[in-house]
Amino acid sequence: MADKPAAKKSYIQEVARFYFAPDIRSIGTLVYLGIFGYFTLYYVDNLFLALRFLLYVILGHTALVGIAFLFAGMAFVVALVIPFFVSLYSIFVLHRVWDKPNWAAYVKWLMTLLIALGSVLVIVISDSAARLSVRQPAMQSFVEDANIGNRI
């Protein structure tokens, strides 16, 4: 009888095999996974806060609040979701970089460094932008209604 073709591994299994490989490189990849995994878990709360804000806008009577509320709210929501998605994407993009067989090792290390530093920089800037946008006078009604004054 013919052998059955091997089942193709899912992308998540490939990424997990990359991070938990039995070689010396996995020490660095596990530290990287730990850092960006922590960022992902830390910023998942921002997704719920963004959804809370969107429901506040949709269900509340904020249609006539003004254009300042619109732009501050839009900046707030975008700046809230960016850190989560950047940290999550950073976990998967490292696998893609090290999966390239035709790249030299120094290029892979350079790309790893650029991804790590660039991701942290984007996360810090976006988090600061969210804090700045929520401090705008137009956003005070949401801050008071949602009771997030001491959180942001």
Protein backbone atom coordinates (compact mmCIF):
# COMPACT_ATOMS: atom_id res chain seq x y z
CA MET A 1 0.00 0.00 0.00
CA ALA A 2 1.09 3.49 -0.65
CA ASP A 3 2.15 5.55 2.27
CA LYS A 4 -0.13 8.36 3.24
CA PRO A 5 1.35 11.77 2.63
CA ALA A 6 2.50 13.48 5.79
CA ALA A 7 -0.03 15.89 7.18
CA LYS A 8 1.04 19.43 6.62
CA LYS A 9 1.84 21.26 9.81
CA SER A 10 -0.13 24.36 10.58
CA TYR A 11 1.58 27.72 10.69
CA ILE A 12 1.16 27.91 14.47
CA GLN A 13 2.89 24.54 14.83
CA GLU A 14 5.77 25.77 12.66
CA VAL A 15 6.15 28.89 14.79
CA ALA A 16 6.02 26.85 18.00
CA ARG A 17 8.63 24.46 16.63
CA PHE A 18 10.82 27.45 15.74
CA TYR A 19 10.64 28.95 19.25
CA PHE A 20 11.00 25.65 21.10
CA ALA A 21 13.67 24.08 18.87
CA PRO A 22 16.26 21.91 20.63
CA ASP A 23 19.24 24.10 19.76
CA ILE A 24 21.19 26.95 21.33
CA ARG A 25 19.31 29.59 19.33
CA SER A 26 16.13 28.76 21.21
CA ILE A 27 17.48 30.48 24.34
CA GLY A 28 17.34 33.81 22.53
CA THR A 29 14.07 33.03 20.80
CA LEU A 30 12.43 32.09 24.10
CA VAL A 31 13.54 35.39 25.65
CA TYR A 32 12.16 37.20 22.59
CA LEU A 33 8.92 35.21 22.83
CA GLY A 34 8.67 35.96 26.53
CA ILE A 35 9.11 39.70 26.05
CA PHE A 36 6.69 40.09 23.17
CA GLY A 37 4.29 37.53 24.65
CA TYR A 38 4.17 39.65 27.79
CA PHE A 39 3.56 42.79 25.70
CA THR A 40 0.75 40.99 23.88
CA LEU A 41 -0.93 39.92 27.11
CA TYR A 42 -0.38 43.34 28.69
CA TYR A 43 -1.97 45.22 25.78
CA VAL A 44 -4.93 42.86 25.24
CA ASP A 45 -6.75 45.03 27.78
CA ASN A 46 -6.37 47.94 25.35
CA LEU A 47 -8.52 46.07 22.85
CA PHE A 48 -11.32 45.86 25.39
CA LEU A 49 -10.91 49.54 26.22
CA ALA A 50 -11.11 50.41 22.51
CA LEU A 51 -14.28 48.32 22.17
CA ARG A 52 -15.66 50.01 25.26
CA PHE A 53 -15.00 53.41 23.72
CA LEU A 54 -16.62 52.38 20.43
CA LEU A 55 -19.70 51.14 22.27
CA TYR A 56 -19.74 54.40 24.24
CA VAL A 57 -19.80 56.33 20.98
CA ILE A 58 -22.36 54.09 19.28
CA LEU A 59 -24.75 53.66 22.20
CA GLY A 60 -24.25 57.05 23.78
CA HIS A 61 -25.58 60.36 22.58
CA THR A 62 -22.25 61.59 21.27
CA ALA A 63 -23.31 62.39 17.73
CA LEU A 64 -23.35 66.12 18.37
CA VAL A 65 -20.26 66.33 20.56
CA GLY A 66 -18.04 67.87 17.92
CA ILE A 67 -15.19 67.28 15.56
CA ALA A 68 -12.60 67.47 18.35
CA PHE A 69 -14.18 64.42 19.99
CA LEU A 70 -14.15 62.59 16.66
CA PHE A 71 -10.45 63.14 16.01
CA ALA A 72 -9.35 62.61 19.60
CA GLY A 73 -11.43 59.44 19.79
CA MET A 74 -10.10 58.14 16.50
CA ALA A 75 -6.52 58.78 17.62
CA PHE A 76 -7.30 57.13 20.95
CA VAL A 77 -8.71 53.95 19.40
CA VAL A 78 -5.94 53.60 16.83
CA ALA A 79 -3.24 54.25 19.41
CA LEU A 80 -4.82 51.68 21.73
CA VAL A 81 -4.85 48.80 19.27
CA ILE A 82 -1.43 49.36 17.69
CA PRO A 83 0.68 48.05 20.63
CA PHE A 84 -1.26 44.80 20.79
CA PHE A 85 -1.03 44.05 17.10
CA VAL A 86 2.62 45.12 16.81
CA SER A 87 3.63 42.88 19.70
CA LEU A 88 1.60 39.96 18.33
CA TYR A 89 2.99 40.41 14.82
CA SER A 90 6.54 40.63 16.20
CA ILE A 91 6.19 37.07 17.46
CA PHE A 92 5.28 35.74 14.02
CA VAL A 93 7.62 37.85 11.91
CA LEU A 94 10.76 36.51 13.62
CA HIS A 95 9.90 33.04 12.38
CA ARG A 96 9.55 34.40 8.85
CA VAL A 97 12.98 36.06 9.03
CA TRP A 98 14.79 32.98 10.27
CA ASP A 99 12.91 30.76 7.80
CA LYS A 100 14.66 32.41 4.83
CA PRO A 101 17.37 29.93 3.73
CA ASN A 102 19.08 32.31 1.29
CA TRP A 103 19.72 35.09 3.83
CA ALA A 104 23.09 35.27 5.54
CA ALA A 105 23.24 34.84 9.31
CA TYR A 106 24.33 38.44 9.93
CA VAL A 107 21.33 39.72 7.93
CA LYS A 108 18.99 37.58 10.03
CA TRP A 109 20.55 38.93 13.23
CA LEU A 110 20.33 42.49 11.95
CA MET A 111 16.69 42.03 10.99
CA THR A 112 15.98 40.51 14.41
CA LEU A 113 17.53 43.54 16.09
CA LEU A 114 15.62 45.95 13.86
CA ILE A 115 12.34 44.16 14.48
CA ALA A 116 12.83 44.10 18.24
CA LEU A 117 13.94 47.73 18.56
CA GLY A 118 11.44 49.01 16.00
CA SER A 119 8.57 47.15 17.65
CA VAL A 120 9.41 48.48 21.10
CA LEU A 121 9.74 52.00 19.68
CA VAL A 122 6.34 51.77 17.95
CA ILE A 123 4.74 50.38 21.12
CA VAL A 124 6.13 53.18 23.30
CA ILE A 125 5.14 55.92 20.84
CA SER A 126 1.65 54.48 20.37
CA ASP A 127 1.10 54.10 24.10
CA SER A 128 2.18 57.70 24.63
CA ALA A 129 -0.14 58.84 21.84
CA ALA A 130 -3.07 57.04 23.49
CA ARG A 131 -2.33 58.76 26.79
CA LEU A 132 -2.02 62.13 25.07
CA SER A 133 -5.25 61.74 23.11
CA VAL A 134 -7.30 60.71 26.14
CA ARG A 135 -6.13 63.81 28.03
CA GLN A 136 -7.77 66.09 25.49
CA PRO A 137 -10.65 68.16 26.87
CA ALA A 138 -13.08 66.62 24.37
CA MET A 139 -12.43 63.15 25.82
CA GLN A 140 -13.16 64.07 29.44
CA SER A 141 -16.75 62.82 29.28
CA PHE A 142 -15.57 59.34 28.32
CA VAL A 143 -12.82 59.37 30.95
CA GLU A 144 -15.33 60.26 33.65
CA ASP A 145 -18.06 57.87 32.47
CA ALA A 146 -15.67 54.94 32.02
CA ASN A 147 -13.79 55.76 35.24
CA ILE A 148 -10.36 55.37 33.64
CA GLY A 149 -8.84 58.60 34.96
CA ASN A 150 -6.27 56.91 37.17
CA ARG A 151 -5.55 54.16 34.65
CA ILE A 152 -4.40 56.34 31.78
